[in-house]
Amino acid sequence: MRLALAQIISSADKRANLDAVQDQVVRAADAGAELVIFPEATMCAFGNRLDTVAEPLDGPWVSRLTAIAAASGVTAVAGMFTPSEQRAPDGRTKVGNTLVVTGPDGLVSYRKIHLFDAFGFAESDTVVPGTEPVVTPIGGLQVGLTVCYDVRFPGLYTRLADQGAELIIVSASWGAGPGKVAQWQLLTQARALDSTCFVAAVGQADPATQGIKTRGSAPTGVGYSALIDPAGGAVIGAGAEPELLVVDVETERLPAIRETIPVIANRRF
């Protein structure tokens, strides 16, 4: 399968963000991609009121995303926020940090299980965690879905491999800071090795590369998206700036790699 990693910078304007998605989808489809993956928080950047932008999966944001994907004949994966019935201490409605997949195989969603309560940020103040891992077919490939902080938890990745995943997406808006790029690269490579799956790691680009100033501790992205093979090597990678990467996933290599490195079969815990 040919896929595209769309490393963008989302803003507070969800309509403008969809315009950017449409541009990237058209470019990716022109390059032959069947699957186009966008970062966490594609709908709206962190650091903004999420409860005011959240929409259900049958709302206008997903409807337009579906139309964009259909017009180019691709599957699109993008991070958004969905409303919940829970309330934050200040009375605001909490949201689900949701990854939506829309394309010829239908509409599927995953809600982020591990919330980013770290590095001075408390995602759980405004976000309700998910509970169920998700593996879904995309173009005949079994694809696992994860979001950002999930990548620090290897058990989720081995669970997805147990459920048949061949490719695992980690869609992120990775927080900046000392050592954070190195951690992102190390963790995504480690999860590929843990699960012996391809890992498509797609993050928000670094706003500073475009002269965009950010406020507070909200994670707004560092870039360095990559496709990593099941042996832990980067097949293709981006820098910190916005970029569209198009690459072929050679899934026929999986059986040989899993025979050589049978970590899933050899587990004792």
C-alpha atoms as a PDB file:
ATOM      1  CA  MET A   1       0.000   0.000   0.000  1.00  0.00           C
ATOM      2  CA  ARG A   2       1.155   3.519  -0.762  1.00  0.00           C
ATOM      3  CA  LEU A   3       0.425   5.914   2.082  1.00  0.00           C
ATOM      4  CA  ALA A   4       1.026   9.577   2.824  1.00  0.00           C
ATOM      5  CA  LEU A   5       2.069  11.170   6.109  1.00  0.00           C
ATOM      6  CA  ALA A   6       0.690  14.711   6.159  1.00  0.00           C
ATOM      7  CA  GLN A   7       2.721  16.702   8.680  1.00  0.00           C
ATOM      8  CA  ILE A   8       0.693  19.905   9.003  1.00  0.00           C
ATOM      9  CA  ILE A   9       0.162  22.673  11.563  1.00  0.00           C
ATOM     10  CA  SER A  10      -3.458  23.037  12.607  1.00  0.00           C
ATOM     11  CA  SER A  11      -4.917  26.270  13.957  1.00  0.00           C
ATOM     12  CA  ALA A  12      -7.979  27.241  15.994  1.00  0.00           C
ATOM     13  CA  ASP A  13     -10.045  27.503  12.775  1.00  0.00           C
ATOM     14  CA  LYS A  14     -11.490  24.063  12.021  1.00  0.00           C
ATOM     15  CA  ARG A  15     -12.771  25.137   8.595  1.00  0.00           C
ATOM     16  CA  ALA A  16      -9.308  26.366   7.567  1.00  0.00           C
ATOM     17  CA  ASN A  17      -7.843  23.134   8.912  1.00  0.00           C
ATOM     18  CA  LEU A  18     -10.135  21.140   6.631  1.00  0.00           C
ATOM     19  CA  ASP A  19      -9.039  23.309   3.703  1.00  0.00           C
ATOM     20  CA  ALA A  20      -5.455  22.290   4.513  1.00  0.00           C
ATOM     21  CA  VAL A  21      -6.546  18.647   4.722  1.00  0.00           C
ATOM     22  CA  GLN A  22      -8.160  18.879   1.297  1.00  0.00           C
ATOM     23  CA  ASP A  23      -4.974  20.310  -0.238  1.00  0.00           C
ATOM     24  CA  GLN A  24      -2.863  17.528   1.271  1.00  0.00           C
ATOM     25  CA  VAL A  25      -5.295  14.781   0.225  1.00  0.00           C
ATOM     26  CA  VAL A  26      -5.310  15.988  -3.388  1.00  0.00           C
ATOM     27  CA  ARG A  27      -1.506  16.136  -3.460  1.00  0.00           C
ATOM     28  CA  ALA A  28      -1.213  12.688  -1.879  1.00  0.00           C
ATOM     29  CA  ALA A  29      -3.744  11.125  -4.258  1.00  0.00           C
ATOM     30  CA  ASP A  30      -1.919  12.642  -7.222  1.00  0.00           C
ATOM     31  CA  ALA A  31       1.198  10.846  -5.952  1.00  0.00           C
ATOM     32  CA  GLY A  32      -0.684   7.540  -5.853  1.00  0.00           C
ATOM     33  CA  ALA A  33      -1.410   7.303  -2.119  1.00  0.00           C
ATOM     34  CA  GLU A  34      -4.367   5.191  -1.008  1.00  0.00           C
ATOM     35  CA  LEU A  35      -4.165   6.196   2.679  1.00  0.00           C
ATOM     36  CA  VAL A  36      -3.501   9.745   3.937  1.00  0.00           C
ATOM     37  CA  ILE A  37      -2.719  10.149   7.650  1.00  0.00           C
ATOM     38  CA  PHE A  38      -2.973  13.440   9.541  1.00  0.00           C
ATOM     39  CA  PRO A  39      -1.898  14.361  13.077  1.00  0.00           C
ATOM     40  CA  GLU A  40      -3.755  14.428  16.355  1.00  0.00           C
ATOM     41  CA  ALA A  41      -5.767  17.652  16.797  1.00  0.00           C
ATOM     42  CA  THR A  42      -6.123  18.208  13.043  1.00  0.00           C
ATOM     43  CA  MET A  43      -9.603  19.598  13.756  1.00  0.00           C
ATOM     44  CA  CYS A  44      -8.283  22.234  16.174  1.00  0.00           C
ATOM     45  CA  ALA A  45      -4.886  22.856  17.746  1.00  0.00           C
ATOM     46  CA  PHE A  46      -4.371  22.308  21.447  1.00  0.00           C
ATOM     47  CA  GLY A  47      -4.352  25.476  23.543  1.00  0.00           C
ATOM     48  CA  ASN A  48      -7.890  26.372  22.406  1.00  0.00           C
ATOM     49  CA  ARG A  49     -11.362  25.672  23.850  1.00  0.00           C
ATOM     50  CA  LEU A  50     -11.997  22.101  22.693  1.00  0.00           C
ATOM     51  CA  ASP A  51     -15.573  21.883  23.971  1.00  0.00           C
ATOM     52  CA  THR A  52     -16.674  24.640  21.607  1.00  0.00           C
ATOM     53  CA  VAL A  53     -15.273  22.900  18.503  1.00  0.00           C
ATOM     54  CA  ALA A  54     -16.140  19.274  19.322  1.00  0.00           C
ATOM     55  CA  GLU A  55     -18.621  17.555  17.006  1.00  0.00           C
ATOM     56  CA  PRO A  56     -20.202  14.089  16.846  1.00  0.00           C
ATOM     57  CA  LEU A  57     -18.989  11.651  14.208  1.00  0.00           C
ATOM     58  CA  ASP A  58     -22.093  12.389  12.121  1.00  0.00           C
ATOM     59  CA  GLY A  59     -21.455  16.149  12.278  1.00  0.00           C
ATOM     60  CA  PRO A  60     -20.362  18.495   9.472  1.00  0.00           C
ATOM     61  CA  TRP A  61     -16.596  18.182  10.121  1.00  0.00           C
ATOM     62  CA  VAL A  62     -16.492  14.438   9.539  1.00  0.00           C
ATOM     63  CA  SER A  63     -19.020  14.748   6.722  1.00  0.00           C
ATOM     64  CA  ARG A  64     -16.707  17.110   4.854  1.00  0.00           C
ATOM     65  CA  LEU A  65     -13.650  14.977   5.657  1.00  0.00           C
ATOM     66  CA  THR A  66     -15.489  11.994   4.187  1.00  0.00           C
ATOM     67  CA  ALA A  67     -16.382  13.982   1.075  1.00  0.00           C
ATOM     68  CA  ILE A  68     -12.748  15.093   0.666  1.00  0.00           C
ATOM     69  CA  ALA A  69     -11.532  11.502   0.915  1.00  0.00           C
ATOM     70  CA  ALA A  70     -14.208  10.216  -1.465  1.00  0.00           C
ATOM     71  CA  ALA A  71     -13.447  12.873  -4.085  1.00  0.00           C
ATOM     72  CA  SER A  72      -9.845  11.625  -4.295  1.00  0.00           C
ATOM     73  CA  GLY A  73     -10.640   7.931  -3.772  1.00  0.00           C
ATOM     74  CA  VAL A  74      -8.513   7.615  -0.629  1.00  0.00           C
ATOM     75  CA  THR A  75      -8.909   6.767   3.033  1.00  0.00           C
ATOM     76  CA  ALA A  76      -8.224   9.710   5.357  1.00  0.00           C
ATOM     77  CA  VAL A  77      -7.223   9.455   9.011  1.00  0.00           C
ATOM     78  CA  ALA A  78      -7.368  12.602  11.153  1.00  0.00           C
ATOM     79  CA  GLY A  79      -7.488  13.688  14.782  1.00  0.00           C
ATOM     80  CA  MET A  80     -10.622  15.451  16.032  1.00  0.00           C
ATOM     81  CA  PHE A  81     -12.618  16.071  19.206  1.00  0.00           C
ATOM     82  CA  THR A  82     -16.009  14.564  19.960  1.00  0.00           C
ATOM     83  CA  PRO A  83     -18.407  15.658  22.725  1.00  0.00           C
ATOM     84  CA  SER A  84     -19.051  13.515  25.799  1.00  0.00           C
ATOM     85  CA  GLU A  85     -21.608  13.522  28.584  1.00  0.00           C
ATOM     86  CA  GLN A  86     -19.006  14.195  31.276  1.00  0.00           C
ATOM     87  CA  ARG A  87     -18.333  17.610  32.759  1.00  0.00           C
ATOM     88  CA  ALA A  88     -15.073  19.198  33.817  1.00  0.00           C
ATOM     89  CA  PRO A  89     -14.820  20.825  37.291  1.00  0.00           C
ATOM     90  CA  ASP A  90     -15.471  24.226  35.695  1.00  0.00           C
ATOM     91  CA  GLY A  91     -18.712  22.965  34.135  1.00  0.00           C
ATOM     92  CA  ARG A  92     -17.461  22.673  30.590  1.00  0.00           C
ATOM     93  CA  THR A  93     -18.256  19.573  28.569  1.00  0.00           C
ATOM     94  CA  LYS A  94     -15.350  17.157  28.354  1.00  0.00           C
ATOM     95  CA  VAL A  95     -14.414  15.817  24.926  1.00  0.00           C
ATOM     96  CA  GLY A  96     -13.029  12.630  23.427  1.00  0.00           C
ATOM     97  CA  ASN A  97      -9.637  12.922  21.742  1.00  0.00           C
ATOM     98  CA  THR A  98     -10.674  10.933  18.692  1.00  0.00           C
ATOM     99  CA  LEU A  99      -8.948   9.529  15.622  1.00  0.00           C
ATOM    100  CA  VAL A 100     -11.392   9.089  12.751  1.00  0.00           C
ATOM    101  CA  VAL A 101     -10.848   6.890   9.685  1.00  0.00           C
ATOM    102  CA  THR A 102     -13.049   7.472   6.657  1.00  0.00           C
ATOM    103  CA  GLY A 103     -12.854   5.923   3.206  1.00  0.00           C
ATOM    104  CA  PRO A 104     -14.044   3.061   1.005  1.00  0.00           C
ATOM    105  CA  ASP A 105     -14.042   0.646   3.980  1.00  0.00           C
ATOM    106  CA  GLY A 106     -16.442   2.885   5.928  1.00  0.00           C
ATOM    107  CA  LEU A 107     -16.141   5.086   9.018  1.00  0.00           C
ATOM    108  CA  VAL A 108     -14.246   3.932  12.118  1.00  0.00           C
ATOM    109  CA  SER A 109     -13.036   5.839  15.161  1.00  0.00           C
ATOM    110  CA  TYR A 110     -10.700   5.354  18.100  1.00  0.00           C
ATOM    111  CA  ARG A 111     -10.701   7.414  21.291  1.00  0.00           C
ATOM    112  CA  LYS A 112      -7.317   8.001  22.915  1.00  0.00           C
ATOM    113  CA  ILE A 113      -6.855   5.687  25.899  1.00  0.00           C
ATOM    114  CA  HIS A 114      -3.801   7.202  27.620  1.00  0.00           C
ATOM    115  CA  LEU A 115      -4.300  10.881  28.430  1.00  0.00           C
ATOM    116  CA  PHE A 116      -1.338  13.260  28.536  1.00  0.00           C
ATOM    117  CA  ASP A 117      -1.095  14.146  32.216  1.00  0.00           C
ATOM    118  CA  ALA A 118       2.640  14.848  32.110  1.00  0.00           C
ATOM    119  CA  PHE A 119       5.227  17.582  31.523  1.00  0.00           C
ATOM    120  CA  GLY A 120       2.971  20.174  33.205  1.00  0.00           C
ATOM    121  CA  PHE A 121      -0.090  19.462  31.023  1.00  0.00           C
ATOM    122  CA  ALA A 122      -3.289  17.812  32.284  1.00  0.00           C
ATOM    123  CA  GLU A 123      -5.270  16.474  29.332  1.00  0.00           C
ATOM    124  CA  SER A 124      -7.664  14.674  31.693  1.00  0.00           C
ATOM    125  CA  ASP A 125      -8.979  18.066  32.878  1.00  0.00           C
ATOM    126  CA  THR A 126     -10.857  18.407  29.576  1.00  0.00           C
ATOM    127  CA  VAL A 127     -10.733  14.984  27.888  1.00  0.00           C
ATOM    128  CA  VAL A 128     -12.464  11.656  28.588  1.00  0.00           C
ATOM    129  CA  PRO A 129     -10.259   8.594  27.948  1.00  0.00           C
ATOM    130  CA  GLY A 130     -11.194   5.783  25.617  1.00  0.00           C
ATOM    131  CA  THR A 131     -11.232   2.170  26.752  1.00  0.00           C
ATOM    132  CA  GLU A 132     -10.962  -0.095  23.688  1.00  0.00           C
ATOM    133  CA  PRO A 133      -8.053  -0.741  21.311  1.00  0.00           C
ATOM    134  CA  VAL A 134      -9.062  -0.588  17.641  1.00  0.00           C
ATOM    135  CA  VAL A 135      -7.788  -2.514  14.606  1.00  0.00           C
ATOM    136  CA  THR A 136      -9.557  -1.844  11.324  1.00  0.00           C
ATOM    137  CA  PRO A 137      -9.101  -3.002   7.702  1.00  0.00           C
ATOM    138  CA  ILE A 138      -7.897  -0.342   5.283  1.00  0.00           C
ATOM    139  CA  GLY A 139      -7.464  -1.496   1.706  1.00  0.00           C
ATOM    140  CA  GLY A 140      -6.883  -5.088   2.800  1.00  0.00           C
ATOM    141  CA  LEU A 141      -4.312  -4.078   5.432  1.00  0.00           C
ATOM    142  CA  GLN A 142      -5.042  -4.513   9.164  1.00  0.00           C
ATOM    143  CA  VAL A 143      -4.354  -1.156  10.817  1.00  0.00           C
ATOM    144  CA  GLY A 144      -4.150  -0.363  14.528  1.00  0.00           C
ATOM    145  CA  LEU A 145      -4.979   3.124  15.798  1.00  0.00           C
ATOM    146  CA  THR A 146      -3.182   5.057  18.558  1.00  0.00           C
ATOM    147  CA  VAL A 147      -2.830   8.699  19.547  1.00  0.00           C
ATOM    148  CA  CYS A 148       0.257  10.537  20.833  1.00  0.00           C
ATOM    149  CA  TYR A 149       0.853   9.649  24.535  1.00  0.00           C
ATOM    150  CA  ASP A 150      -0.329   6.106  23.775  1.00  0.00           C
ATOM    151  CA  VAL A 151       3.117   5.541  22.240  1.00  0.00           C
ATOM    152  CA  ARG A 152       4.687   5.442  25.724  1.00  0.00           C
ATOM    153  CA  PHE A 153       2.723   2.281  26.573  1.00  0.00           C
ATOM    154  CA  PRO A 154       4.093  -0.822  24.817  1.00  0.00           C
ATOM    155  CA  GLY A 155       1.268  -3.064  26.047  1.00  0.00           C
ATOM    156  CA  LEU A 156      -1.190  -1.300  23.764  1.00  0.00           C
ATOM    157  CA  TYR A 157       1.001  -1.980  20.736  1.00  0.00           C
ATOM    158  CA  THR A 158       1.470  -5.666  21.504  1.00  0.00           C
ATOM    159  CA  ARG A 159      -2.299  -5.897  22.088  1.00  0.00           C
ATOM    160  CA  LEU A 160      -2.904  -4.423  18.641  1.00  0.00           C
ATOM    161  CA  ALA A 161      -0.458  -6.932  17.154  1.00  0.00           C
ATOM    162  CA  ASP A 162      -2.351  -9.717  18.922  1.00  0.00           C
ATOM    163  CA  GLN A 163      -5.512  -8.401  17.253  1.00  0.00           C
ATOM    164  CA  GLY A 164      -3.903  -8.749  13.828  1.00  0.00           C
ATOM    165  CA  ALA A 165      -2.392  -5.310  13.193  1.00  0.00           C
ATOM    166  CA  GLU A 166       0.219  -5.101  10.442  1.00  0.00           C
ATOM    167  CA  LEU A 167       0.514  -1.309  10.466  1.00  0.00           C
ATOM    168  CA  ILE A 168      -0.043   0.854  13.557  1.00  0.00           C
ATOM    169  CA  ILE A 169      -0.759   4.560  13.229  1.00  0.00           C
ATOM    170  CA  VAL A 170       0.321   6.953  15.961  1.00  0.00           C
ATOM    171  CA  SER A 171      -1.201  10.343  15.241  1.00  0.00           C
ATOM    172  CA  ALA A 172       0.343  12.994  17.483  1.00  0.00           C
ATOM    173  CA  SER A 173       0.676  16.604  18.560  1.00  0.00           C
ATOM    174  CA  TRP A 174       3.914  16.013  20.445  1.00  0.00           C
ATOM    175  CA  GLY A 175       4.899  18.523  23.108  1.00  0.00           C
ATOM    176  CA  ALA A 176       8.164  20.399  22.618  1.00  0.00           C
ATOM    177  CA  GLY A 177      10.961  20.540  25.177  1.00  0.00           C
ATOM    178  CA  PRO A 178      14.467  19.288  25.944  1.00  0.00           C
ATOM    179  CA  GLY A 179      14.971  15.795  24.583  1.00  0.00           C
ATOM    180  CA  LYS A 180      11.395  15.473  23.305  1.00  0.00           C
ATOM    181  CA  VAL A 181      12.281  14.916  19.621  1.00  0.00           C
ATOM    182  CA  ALA A 182      14.707  12.162  20.607  1.00  0.00           C
ATOM    183  CA  GLN A 183      12.027  10.575  22.816  1.00  0.00           C
ATOM    184  CA  TRP A 184       9.494  10.661  19.967  1.00  0.00           C
ATOM    185  CA  GLN A 185      11.920   8.954  17.609  1.00  0.00           C
ATOM    186  CA  LEU A 186      13.043   6.376  20.183  1.00  0.00           C
ATOM    187  CA  LEU A 187       9.508   5.504  21.300  1.00  0.00           C
ATOM    188  CA  THR A 188       8.105   5.075  17.793  1.00  0.00           C
ATOM    189  CA  GLN A 189      11.018   2.833  16.821  1.00  0.00           C
ATOM    190  CA  ALA A 190      10.631   0.816  20.027  1.00  0.00           C
ATOM    191  CA  ARG A 191       6.911   0.280  19.461  1.00  0.00           C
ATOM    192  CA  ALA A 192       7.625  -1.044  15.965  1.00  0.00           C
ATOM    193  CA  LEU A 193      10.067  -3.526  17.503  1.00  0.00           C
ATOM    194  CA  ASP A 194       7.686  -4.459  20.342  1.00  0.00           C
ATOM    195  CA  SER A 195       4.833  -5.238  17.966  1.00  0.00           C
ATOM    196  CA  THR A 196       6.800  -6.223  14.843  1.00  0.00           C
ATOM    197  CA  CYS A 197       4.455  -3.925  12.921  1.00  0.00           C
ATOM    198  CA  PHE A 198       5.066  -1.021  10.606  1.00  0.00           C
ATOM    199  CA  VAL A 199       4.480   2.202  12.553  1.00  0.00           C
ATOM    200  CA  ALA A 200       3.239   5.313  10.764  1.00  0.00           C
ATOM    201  CA  ALA A 201       4.117   8.134  13.166  1.00  0.00           C
ATOM    202  CA  VAL A 202       2.472  11.372  12.041  1.00  0.00           C
ATOM    203  CA  GLY A 203       2.882  14.505  14.140  1.00  0.00           C
ATOM    204  CA  GLN A 204       2.052  18.162  13.915  1.00  0.00           C
ATOM    205  CA  ALA A 205       4.904  20.195  12.444  1.00  0.00           C
ATOM    206  CA  ASP A 206       6.705  22.642  14.735  1.00  0.00           C
ATOM    207  CA  PRO A 207       4.833  25.998  14.656  1.00  0.00           C
ATOM    208  CA  ALA A 208       8.090  27.846  15.355  1.00  0.00           C
ATOM    209  CA  THR A 209       9.377  26.877  11.902  1.00  0.00           C
ATOM    210  CA  GLN A 210       6.622  29.062  10.432  1.00  0.00           C
ATOM    211  CA  GLY A 211       7.026  31.921  12.922  1.00  0.00           C
ATOM    212  CA  ILE A 212       3.886  30.911  14.829  1.00  0.00           C
ATOM    213  CA  LYS A 213       4.051  31.721  18.531  1.00  0.00           C
ATOM    214  CA  THR A 214       2.347  29.375  20.979  1.00  0.00           C
ATOM    215  CA  ARG A 215       1.236  29.939  24.565  1.00  0.00           C
ATOM    216  CA  GLY A 216       1.458  27.879  27.727  1.00  0.00           C
ATOM    217  CA  SER A 217       2.213  24.167  27.973  1.00  0.00           C
ATOM    218  CA  ALA A 218      -0.201  22.921  25.298  1.00  0.00           C
ATOM    219  CA  PRO A 219       1.501  20.343  23.021  1.00  0.00           C
ATOM    220  CA  THR A 220       1.550  21.870  19.555  1.00  0.00           C
ATOM    221  CA  GLY A 221       4.024  19.684  17.687  1.00  0.00           C
ATOM    222  CA  VAL A 222       7.689  19.117  16.910  1.00  0.00           C
ATOM    223  CA  GLY A 223       7.470  17.385  13.516  1.00  0.00           C
ATOM    224  CA  TYR A 224       9.693  14.409  12.660  1.00  0.00           C
ATOM    225  CA  SER A 225       6.953  12.191  11.261  1.00  0.00           C
ATOM    226  CA  ALA A 226       8.221   8.849   9.958  1.00  0.00           C
ATOM    227  CA  LEU A 227       7.322   5.422   8.655  1.00  0.00           C
ATOM    228  CA  ILE A 228       9.201   2.823  10.688  1.00  0.00           C
ATOM    229  CA  ASP A 229       9.571  -0.792   9.629  1.00  0.00           C
ATOM    230  CA  PRO A 230       9.009  -3.771  11.977  1.00  0.00           C
ATOM    231  CA  ALA A 231      12.777  -4.102  12.502  1.00  0.00           C
ATOM    232  CA  GLY A 232      12.876  -0.583  13.973  1.00  0.00           C
ATOM    233  CA  GLY A 233      14.420   1.321  11.066  1.00  0.00           C
ATOM    234  CA  ALA A 234      12.980   4.507   9.593  1.00  0.00           C
ATOM    235  CA  VAL A 235      11.883   3.956   5.993  1.00  0.00           C
ATOM    236  CA  ILE A 236      11.266   7.664   5.468  1.00  0.00           C
ATOM    237  CA  GLY A 237      11.244  10.658   7.791  1.00  0.00           C
ATOM    238  CA  ALA A 238      10.470  14.374   7.940  1.00  0.00           C
ATOM    239  CA  GLY A 239      12.117  17.288   9.692  1.00  0.00           C
ATOM    240  CA  ALA A 240      10.423  19.901  11.853  1.00  0.00           C
ATOM    241  CA  GLU A 241       8.687  21.860   9.064  1.00  0.00           C
ATOM    242  CA  PRO A 242       5.364  21.049   7.360  1.00  0.00           C
ATOM    243  CA  GLU A 243       5.878  18.257   4.856  1.00  0.00           C
ATOM    244  CA  LEU A 244       4.021  15.573   2.918  1.00  0.00           C
ATOM    245  CA  LEU A 245       5.754  12.194   2.795  1.00  0.00           C
ATOM    246  CA  VAL A 246       4.579   9.517   0.348  1.00  0.00           C
ATOM    247  CA  VAL A 247       5.898   5.995   0.816  1.00  0.00           C
ATOM    248  CA  ASP A 248       5.072   2.363   0.027  1.00  0.00           C
ATOM    249  CA  VAL A 249       4.462  -0.065   2.908  1.00  0.00           C
ATOM    250  CA  GLU A 250       6.013  -3.406   1.950  1.00  0.00           C
ATOM    251  CA  THR A 251       3.803  -5.671   4.044  1.00  0.00           C
ATOM    252  CA  GLU A 252       5.108  -8.762   2.249  1.00  0.00           C
ATOM    253  CA  ARG A 253       8.225  -8.372   4.449  1.00  0.00           C
ATOM    254  CA  LEU A 254       6.258  -8.954   7.664  1.00  0.00           C
ATOM    255  CA  PRO A 255       6.303 -12.772   7.825  1.00  0.00           C
ATOM    256  CA  ALA A 256      10.082 -12.959   7.399  1.00  0.00           C
ATOM    257  CA  ILE A 257      10.703 -10.246   9.998  1.00  0.00           C
ATOM    258  CA  ARG A 258       8.346 -11.898  12.490  1.00  0.00           C
ATOM    259  CA  GLU A 259      10.056 -15.247  11.926  1.00  0.00           C
ATOM    260  CA  THR A 260      13.465 -13.670  12.524  1.00  0.00           C
ATOM    261  CA  ILE A 261      12.369 -11.561  15.534  1.00  0.00           C
ATOM    262  CA  PRO A 262       9.462 -13.576  17.055  1.00  0.00           C
ATOM    263  CA  VAL A 263       8.977 -11.361  20.105  1.00  0.00           C
ATOM    264  CA  ILE A 264       5.178 -11.717  20.061  1.00  0.00           C
ATOM    265  CA  ALA A 265       5.395 -15.512  19.997  1.00  0.00           C
ATOM    266  CA  ASN A 266       8.212 -15.625  22.591  1.00  0.00           C
ATOM    267  CA  ARG A 267       6.516 -13.438  25.232  1.00  0.00           C
ATOM    268  CA  ARG A 268       6.221 -14.873  28.727  1.00  0.00           C
ATOM    269  CA  PHE A 269       4.387 -11.934  30.322  1.00  0.00           C
END
